[in-house]
Amino acid sequence: MRILILCDHQWRDLAPHTKVQVEIERISQHEVVICDIHLFAQVVEIYKPHLVLINHLHDPARNKIVDSVRRRGGLCAVLPSEGRSNTDEQVEWAAKKFDTRLCDLYLSWSQEFANHLTVPYTVTGCPRFDFYQTHPDRDELASLYGLSFDRPIVTV
């Protein structure tokens, strides 16, 4: 399978997209290419991807390219990379105000957001920041913050 990951902003997106590329190639035989979003049309014509991973479907020009991929039998997955919606209006826009016919799978950062989607989805968490640090395990966190599992732990 040929997978095309579109990179909308190199400083924000390239490192996490590269992490996704490395992981996909590590666990599968799929070929993954990362492409600058401005070269989307040209790379689609040359590479002929089976799957396009894009940050959103709110741009009519890019949607035409996604549509051409889907008409050839390809798929489109959305992996948001531009931050989270902060108001009800933004959630409504991000979750529903795009051509939902083009989206085969939405990779949602949270179940709360996913509840607003009208397309197939899976909740991934927020993979955008995962590569910045290693995550301590339960006992390390307890030691670090002086917590005892004998008592209730409340986070705010």
Protein backbone atom coordinates (compact mmCIF):
# COMPACT_ATOMS: atom_id res chain seq x y z
CA MET A 1 0.00 0.00 0.00
CA ARG A 2 1.22 3.51 -0.82
CA ILE A 3 0.40 6.06 1.88
CA LEU A 4 0.76 9.80 1.35
CA ILE A 5 1.02 12.00 4.45
CA LEU A 6 0.48 15.68 3.76
CA CYS A 7 2.59 18.11 5.76
CA ASP A 8 0.82 21.44 6.10
CA HIS A 9 3.41 23.21 8.26
CA GLN A 10 6.97 21.95 8.46
CA TRP A 11 7.79 23.30 11.93
CA ARG A 12 4.58 22.06 13.51
CA ASP A 13 3.89 18.88 11.53
CA LEU A 14 7.04 17.39 10.04
CA ALA A 15 8.46 15.77 13.19
CA PRO A 16 5.21 14.07 14.27
CA HIS A 17 4.42 13.02 10.69
CA THR A 18 7.88 11.50 10.43
CA LYS A 19 7.18 9.57 13.63
CA VAL A 20 3.97 8.24 12.07
CA GLN A 21 5.88 7.30 8.89
CA VAL A 22 8.57 5.43 10.82
CA GLU A 23 6.00 3.53 12.90
CA ILE A 24 3.90 2.52 9.89
CA GLU A 25 6.99 1.31 8.02
CA ARG A 26 8.25 -0.50 11.15
CA ILE A 27 5.08 -2.55 11.63
CA SER A 28 4.06 -3.10 8.00
CA GLN A 29 5.26 -3.40 4.42
CA HIS A 30 3.53 -0.16 3.44
CA GLU A 31 5.43 2.55 1.60
CA VAL A 32 4.96 6.00 3.16
CA VAL A 33 5.81 9.37 1.63
CA ILE A 34 5.53 12.74 3.37
CA CYS A 35 4.75 15.61 1.04
CA ASP A 36 4.52 19.37 1.41
CA ILE A 37 0.85 20.28 1.15
CA HIS A 38 1.61 22.70 -1.70
CA LEU A 39 2.85 19.80 -3.85
CA PHE A 40 -0.22 17.68 -3.13
CA ALA A 41 -1.65 17.63 -6.68
CA GLN A 42 1.68 16.81 -8.33
CA VAL A 43 2.61 14.06 -5.87
CA VAL A 44 -0.84 12.45 -6.15
CA GLU A 45 -0.45 12.22 -9.93
CA ILE A 46 3.03 10.71 -9.71
CA TYR A 47 2.74 8.55 -6.56
CA LYS A 48 -0.90 7.43 -6.94
CA PRO A 49 -1.44 6.77 -3.21
CA HIS A 50 -3.89 4.21 -1.87
CA LEU A 51 -4.39 6.34 1.27
CA VAL A 52 -4.03 10.06 1.87
CA LEU A 53 -3.56 11.32 5.42
CA ILE A 54 -4.54 15.01 5.54
CA ASN A 55 -4.98 17.52 8.37
CA HIS A 56 -8.50 18.67 7.41
CA LEU A 57 -11.04 18.71 4.60
CA HIS A 58 -12.05 22.37 4.77
CA ASP A 59 -10.18 23.52 1.64
CA PRO A 60 -12.23 23.10 -1.58
CA ALA A 61 -9.11 22.99 -3.81
CA ARG A 62 -7.47 20.24 -1.77
CA ASN A 63 -10.79 18.42 -1.51
CA LYS A 64 -10.84 18.12 -5.32
CA ILE A 65 -7.50 16.32 -5.15
CA VAL A 66 -8.77 14.02 -2.36
CA ASP A 67 -11.83 13.34 -4.51
CA SER A 68 -9.58 12.31 -7.41
CA VAL A 69 -7.76 9.85 -5.11
CA ARG A 70 -11.06 8.40 -3.91
CA ARG A 71 -12.43 8.09 -7.48
CA ARG A 72 -9.38 5.90 -8.25
CA GLY A 73 -10.31 3.67 -5.30
CA GLY A 74 -8.11 5.36 -2.68
CA LEU A 75 -9.00 6.31 0.86
CA CYS A 76 -8.72 9.47 2.93
CA ALA A 77 -8.02 9.74 6.65
CA VAL A 78 -8.01 13.01 8.58
CA LEU A 79 -5.40 13.57 11.30
CA PRO A 80 -5.90 17.07 12.75
CA SER A 81 -2.68 18.92 13.44
CA GLU A 82 -3.69 22.53 13.95
CA GLY A 83 -4.80 22.51 17.56
CA ARG A 84 -8.08 21.87 19.26
CA SER A 85 -11.38 23.69 18.98
CA ASN A 86 -12.06 25.98 21.94
CA THR A 87 -15.69 26.99 21.45
CA ASP A 88 -18.91 25.17 20.54
CA GLU A 89 -18.91 26.97 17.20
CA GLN A 90 -15.36 25.83 16.43
CA VAL A 91 -16.21 22.25 17.38
CA GLU A 92 -19.26 22.33 15.10
CA TRP A 93 -17.16 23.74 12.23
CA ALA A 94 -14.28 21.29 12.70
CA ALA A 95 -16.52 18.23 13.14
CA LYS A 96 -19.24 18.83 10.55
CA LYS A 97 -18.57 21.72 8.19
CA PHE A 98 -16.57 19.80 5.59
CA ASP A 99 -17.37 17.43 2.74
CA THR A 100 -17.92 14.33 4.88
CA ARG A 101 -18.23 12.14 1.76
CA LEU A 102 -14.45 12.44 1.33
CA CYS A 103 -13.54 11.19 4.82
CA ASP A 104 -13.12 7.44 5.25
CA LEU A 105 -11.69 7.74 8.77
CA TYR A 106 -11.21 10.62 11.21
CA LEU A 107 -8.43 10.22 13.79
CA SER A 108 -9.89 12.15 16.70
CA TRP A 109 -7.87 13.53 19.60
CA SER A 110 -10.68 12.82 22.09
CA GLN A 111 -13.97 10.98 22.49
CA GLU A 112 -15.59 14.29 23.41
CA PHE A 113 -14.76 15.69 19.97
CA ALA A 114 -15.53 12.39 18.23
CA ASN A 115 -19.08 12.51 19.64
CA HIS A 116 -19.72 15.43 17.24
CA LEU A 117 -18.46 13.63 14.12
CA THR A 118 -20.78 12.20 11.50
CA VAL A 119 -18.01 10.16 9.82
CA PRO A 120 -16.25 6.94 10.88
CA TYR A 121 -13.61 7.67 13.51
CA THR A 122 -11.17 6.24 15.98
CA VAL A 123 -9.88 8.06 19.05
CA THR A 124 -6.09 8.30 18.97
CA GLY A 125 -5.41 10.75 21.75
CA CYS A 126 -3.16 13.64 20.81
CA PRO A 127 -0.19 12.04 19.02
CA ARG A 128 1.16 15.42 18.01
CA PHE A 129 3.10 15.86 21.25
CA ASP A 130 3.93 12.25 22.19
CA PHE A 131 7.41 12.29 20.70
CA TYR A 132 8.66 15.15 22.88
CA GLN A 133 9.13 13.07 26.01
CA THR A 134 9.14 9.61 27.45
CA HIS A 135 6.20 8.87 29.68
CA PRO A 136 6.82 7.75 33.26
CA ASP A 137 4.94 4.71 34.44
CA ARG A 138 2.41 4.71 37.28
CA ASP A 139 4.94 4.08 40.06
CA GLU A 140 7.35 6.73 38.75
CA LEU A 141 4.54 9.30 38.74
CA ALA A 142 3.55 8.39 42.29
CA SER A 143 7.13 8.75 43.46
CA LEU A 144 7.67 11.98 41.55
CA TYR A 145 4.58 13.67 43.06
CA GLY A 146 4.57 11.96 46.46
CA LEU A 147 1.30 10.16 45.80
CA SER A 148 0.00 7.13 47.65
CA PHE A 149 -2.28 4.63 45.96
CA ASP A 150 -3.86 3.96 49.36
CA ARG A 151 -5.62 7.31 49.05
CA PRO A 152 -7.88 8.72 46.33
CA ILE A 153 -6.04 10.74 43.67
CA VAL A 154 -7.84 13.67 42.12
CA THR A 155 -6.41 15.68 39.21
CA VAL A 156 -7.66 19.04 38.09
